[in-house]
Protein backbone atom coordinates (compact mmCIF):
# COMPACT_ATOMS: atom_id res chain seq x y z
CA MET A 1 84.87 102.87 138.85
CA PRO A 2 88.66 101.95 138.33
CA ALA A 3 90.65 104.66 136.24
CA SER A 4 91.72 101.98 133.75
CA PHE A 5 88.29 100.97 133.19
CA ALA A 6 87.02 104.52 132.71
CA VAL A 7 89.86 104.92 129.99
CA LEU A 8 88.67 101.98 128.00
CA LEU A 9 85.13 103.11 128.14
CA LEU A 10 86.25 106.52 126.85
CA ALA A 11 88.17 104.61 124.01
CA ALA A 12 85.34 102.44 122.93
CA ALA A 13 82.80 105.58 122.73
CA ALA A 14 85.55 107.44 120.58
CA SER A 15 85.81 104.35 118.17
CA ALA A 16 81.99 104.03 117.97
CA ASN A 17 81.56 107.91 117.32
CA PRO A 18 84.24 109.25 115.12
CA ALA A 19 83.18 112.86 116.01
CA ALA A 20 84.48 112.16 119.66
CA ASP A 21 87.89 111.67 118.34
CA PRO A 22 89.63 114.65 116.89
CA LEU A 23 91.74 112.66 114.57
CA ALA A 24 88.71 110.74 113.06
CA ALA A 25 86.68 114.08 112.86
CA LYS A 26 89.56 115.74 111.03
CA LEU A 27 90.13 112.71 108.56
CA GLN A 28 86.34 112.41 108.10
CA ARG A 29 86.28 116.05 107.11
CA GLN A 30 89.08 115.78 104.68
CA THR A 31 87.57 112.58 103.24
CA GLN A 32 84.13 114.44 102.73
CA ALA A 33 86.08 117.43 101.07
CA LEU A 34 87.59 115.00 98.64
CA LEU A 35 84.27 113.71 97.52
CA ASP A 36 82.62 117.34 97.44
CA ALA A 37 85.49 118.31 95.18
CA LEU A 38 85.00 115.52 92.92
CA VAL A 39 81.50 116.43 92.44
CA THR A 40 82.35 120.15 91.62
CA GLY A 41 85.56 119.22 89.77
CA ASP A 42 88.05 121.03 92.22
CA LYS A 43 91.37 119.65 91.48
CA THR A 44 93.05 121.96 94.11
CA VAL A 45 91.49 119.91 96.96
CA TRP A 46 92.61 116.79 95.65
CA ASP A 47 96.23 118.20 94.71
CA ASP A 48 96.43 119.37 98.40
CA LEU A 49 95.53 116.24 100.31
CA LEU A 50 97.17 113.62 98.11
CA VAL A 51 100.85 112.85 98.44
CA PRO A 52 102.78 112.96 95.04
CA ASP A 53 103.63 109.39 95.14
CA ILE A 54 99.99 108.19 96.03
CA LEU A 55 98.83 104.63 94.99
CA TYR A 56 95.22 104.36 94.37
CA GLY A 57 93.49 101.15 93.65
CA SER A 58 90.19 102.07 91.78
CA GLU A 59 86.96 99.98 91.77
CA ASP A 60 87.74 98.91 88.10
CA GLY A 61 91.02 97.35 89.13
CA ALA A 62 93.20 99.97 87.82
CA VAL A 63 96.10 101.25 90.01
CA LYS A 64 96.42 105.12 89.45
CA ASP A 65 98.98 107.83 90.31
CA LYS A 66 98.27 111.24 91.33
CA ALA A 67 98.37 112.68 87.80
CA LYS A 68 95.84 110.42 86.50
CA LEU A 69 93.65 111.05 89.57
CA LEU A 70 93.90 114.80 88.87
CA SER A 71 93.23 114.31 85.18
CA GLU A 72 89.84 112.58 86.06
CA VAL A 73 88.70 115.40 88.46
CA ALA A 74 86.28 117.48 86.45
CA PRO A 75 82.78 118.91 86.50
CA LEU A 76 80.10 116.60 86.06
CA PRO A 77 78.67 116.44 82.51
CA LYS A 78 75.35 118.13 81.36
CA GLY A 79 72.24 116.02 82.74
CA ILE A 80 74.31 114.46 85.67
CA THR A 81 74.14 115.54 89.30
CA ALA A 82 75.49 113.83 92.44
CA THR A 83 75.71 113.96 96.01
CA ILE A 84 78.26 111.53 97.75
CA LYS A 85 78.16 111.13 101.62
CA VAL A 86 80.83 109.66 103.79
CA THR A 87 79.28 106.95 106.23
CA LYS A 88 80.56 104.12 108.54
CA PHE A 89 83.89 106.03 109.04
CA GLN A 90 86.36 104.06 111.28
CA VAL A 91 89.94 104.92 112.07
CA ARG A 92 92.79 102.79 113.35
CA ALA A 93 95.65 105.07 114.40
CA HIS A 94 99.34 103.82 114.67
CA GLY A 95 101.54 106.77 115.49
CA ASP A 96 101.98 109.08 112.31
CA THR A 97 99.65 106.82 110.24
CA ALA A 98 95.99 106.11 110.15
CA ILE A 99 94.33 103.39 108.43
CA VAL A 100 90.57 104.43 107.56
CA SER A 101 87.67 102.44 106.57
CA TRP A 102 84.37 104.09 105.32
CA VAL A 103 81.71 103.74 102.50
CA ALA A 104 80.73 106.54 100.00
CA GLU A 105 76.91 106.69 99.55
CA GLU A 106 76.20 107.98 96.25
CA THR A 107 73.05 109.53 94.66
CA GLU A 108 73.05 110.36 91.15
CA GLY A 109 70.66 112.27 89.06
CA TYR A 110 71.34 110.89 85.37
CA HIS A 111 69.30 112.62 82.71
CA GLY A 112 66.07 112.60 84.88
CA GLN A 113 66.54 109.23 86.51
CA THR A 114 67.96 108.62 90.10
CA ILE A 115 70.26 105.87 90.76
CA HIS A 116 72.19 104.88 93.88
CA ALA A 117 75.60 103.38 94.33
CA ALA A 118 77.94 102.60 97.33
CA TYR A 119 81.73 102.00 97.45
CA GLN A 120 83.78 100.53 100.21
CA GLU A 121 87.19 102.38 100.71
CA ILE A 122 90.35 101.68 102.83
CA ASP A 123 92.62 104.51 103.03
CA THR A 124 96.08 105.13 104.66
CA TRP A 125 96.68 108.44 105.87
CA MET A 126 100.21 110.00 107.00
CA SER A 127 100.86 113.08 109.16
CA PHE A 128 103.45 115.37 107.59
CA PRO A 129 104.46 118.92 108.87
CA ALA A 130 101.86 120.16 106.45
CA GLY A 131 99.07 117.97 107.73
CA TRP A 132 97.72 114.54 107.22
CA LYS A 133 97.87 113.55 103.65
CA LEU A 134 96.22 110.41 101.68
CA VAL A 135 99.05 108.23 100.66
CA ALA A 136 97.19 105.08 99.53
CA ALA A 137 93.60 104.18 98.76
CA GLN A 138 91.70 100.85 97.76
CA VAL A 139 88.05 101.17 96.50
CA LEU A 140 85.67 98.41 95.91
CA ALA A 141 82.28 98.83 94.47
CA MET A 142 79.60 97.32 96.81
CA ARG A 143 77.11 95.20 94.91
CA THR A 144 73.29 94.62 95.65
CA ASP A 145 71.03 92.05 94.39
CA PRO A 146 69.47 92.96 90.69
CA PRO A 147 65.88 93.71 90.19
CA ARG A 148 63.84 90.20 89.68
CA VAL A 149 61.10 88.94 87.47
CA SER A 150 58.52 86.62 88.16
CA LEU A 151 58.21 83.44 86.16
CA ALA A 152 55.01 81.29 85.68
CA PRO A 153 55.21 77.84 87.57
CA ALA A 154 55.14 76.01 84.25
CA GLU A 155 58.21 77.98 83.07
CA LEU A 156 60.02 77.44 86.26
CA ASP A 157 59.43 73.52 85.81
CA GLY A 158 61.68 73.84 82.71
CA TYR A 159 64.70 74.33 84.91
CA VAL A 160 63.98 71.42 87.56
CA GLY A 161 66.49 68.59 87.24
CA ILE A 162 70.14 67.38 88.12
CA TYR A 163 73.02 69.39 86.75
CA ARG A 164 76.62 67.85 86.90
CA LEU A 165 79.99 69.66 87.02
CA THR A 166 81.81 66.17 87.56
CA PRO A 167 80.40 62.49 88.16
CA GLU A 168 80.74 63.48 92.00
CA VAL A 169 79.76 67.02 91.79
CA THR A 170 76.11 67.71 91.49
CA TYR A 171 73.47 70.67 91.54
CA GLU A 172 69.68 69.91 92.08
CA ILE A 173 67.21 72.46 91.08
CA ARG A 174 63.51 71.93 92.25
CA ARG A 175 60.33 73.82 92.48
CA GLU A 176 59.04 74.88 95.81
CA GLY A 177 55.63 76.59 95.19
CA ASN A 178 56.25 79.55 92.99
CA ARG A 179 60.18 79.68 93.32
CA LEU A 180 63.14 77.60 92.87
CA VAL A 181 65.66 76.18 94.94
CA GLY A 182 69.13 75.08 94.10
CA GLU A 183 71.15 72.67 96.15
CA ARG A 184 74.96 71.58 95.46
CA LYS A 185 75.48 68.22 96.87
CA GLY A 186 76.87 68.75 100.48
CA ARG A 187 75.92 72.30 100.69
CA ALA A 188 72.66 74.04 102.03
CA ALA A 189 69.85 74.69 99.60
CA ALA A 190 69.40 78.24 98.54
CA PRO A 191 66.42 80.05 96.66
CA LEU A 192 67.19 80.94 92.91
CA GLU A 193 65.80 84.06 91.77
CA ALA A 194 65.15 85.03 88.07
CA GLU A 195 67.02 88.56 87.01
CA VAL A 196 65.63 87.69 83.38
CA ARG A 197 64.52 84.45 81.62
CA ASP A 198 67.46 81.90 81.84
CA VAL A 199 69.43 84.08 84.15
CA PHE A 200 69.28 83.22 87.91
CA PHE A 201 71.12 84.57 90.89
CA VAL A 202 71.13 83.44 94.61
CA PRO A 203 69.99 86.56 96.74
CA GLY A 204 72.98 88.13 98.67
CA ASP A 205 75.44 86.25 96.35
CA ASN A 206 75.19 88.81 93.56
CA ARG A 207 78.56 88.27 92.02
CA ILE A 208 77.51 84.98 90.52
CA ARG A 209 74.82 84.05 87.83
CA LYS A 210 73.51 80.97 86.49
CA ILE A 211 73.11 81.45 82.74
CA PHE A 212 70.95 78.56 81.44
CA GLN A 213 71.51 77.09 77.99
CA ARG A 214 68.91 75.60 75.59
CA GLY A 215 69.13 72.98 72.71
CA PRO A 216 67.41 73.18 69.29
CA ASP A 217 64.13 72.23 70.75
CA GLY A 218 64.18 74.83 73.37
CA ARG A 219 64.67 72.55 76.33
CA VAL A 220 67.55 73.42 78.87
CA THR A 221 70.60 71.60 78.47
CA GLY A 222 72.89 73.04 81.33
CA PHE A 223 73.84 76.36 82.65
CA VAL A 224 77.09 78.39 82.88
CA GLU A 225 77.85 79.49 86.35
CA ARG A 226 79.37 83.00 85.63
CA ARG A 227 81.65 84.33 88.43
CA GLU A 228 82.52 87.81 87.37
CA SER A 229 83.95 87.13 84.09
CA TRP A 230 84.65 83.42 84.41
CA ASP A 231 82.38 80.65 83.15
CA ILE A 232 82.04 77.06 84.73
CA GLN A 233 79.91 74.71 82.67
CA TRP A 234 77.42 72.48 84.32
CA LYS A 235 75.61 69.93 82.19
CA ARG A 236 71.79 68.59 82.62
CA GLU A 237 71.36 65.07 83.20
CA ALA A 238 69.58 63.15 80.50
CA GLY A 239 65.97 62.41 81.12
CA ALA A 240 64.81 65.72 82.43
CA LYS A 241 61.87 67.54 81.24
């Protein structure tokens, strides 16, 4: 086997298995230590591993400095427990800088109930004489499809029809068996699932909801396509059921 090919194989193995890369293993341990300290409320770990001028973009869109982050590290309130595990850890090293991608898998006990959440984070670590320190981070909450409800075929029929955004842009809803299918003109059809009555989503596209509107007679008149916090209005064509 050529030596250069063997080196490539070793590099690929280290990338696939962070434990085989000493830097990746170290940064993964430090990342897990930050999560463990977040659960216990240990500010000292965060104070030690973060640079003074860190930029931290949280999942709610806020950009926080070190003082703000330290003020939020506190023991969990009574009735709440949590475990957070580092998963899908990847490192790209560039000299004294390392870019890290990872997922935080959280299991939370909330007043007798169990909930799960996951967060995607991209971190920037830099090497200093005192060790590797976190200089920047961006966190995104990972969304999953919500629970769904079953509606009777007769109720599903109330949504069937053609909806218009403009004279040229239309969205057709039809019933196929015991489910609805939506198809925007020029695009592929996709199933529509009910989160609750009058609120539908496309599986896998959980950032968007279709919220149906009704007239005084109870019939559907259109829907609002809610994209996060922004609404786009679609009107139903006259003549539908």
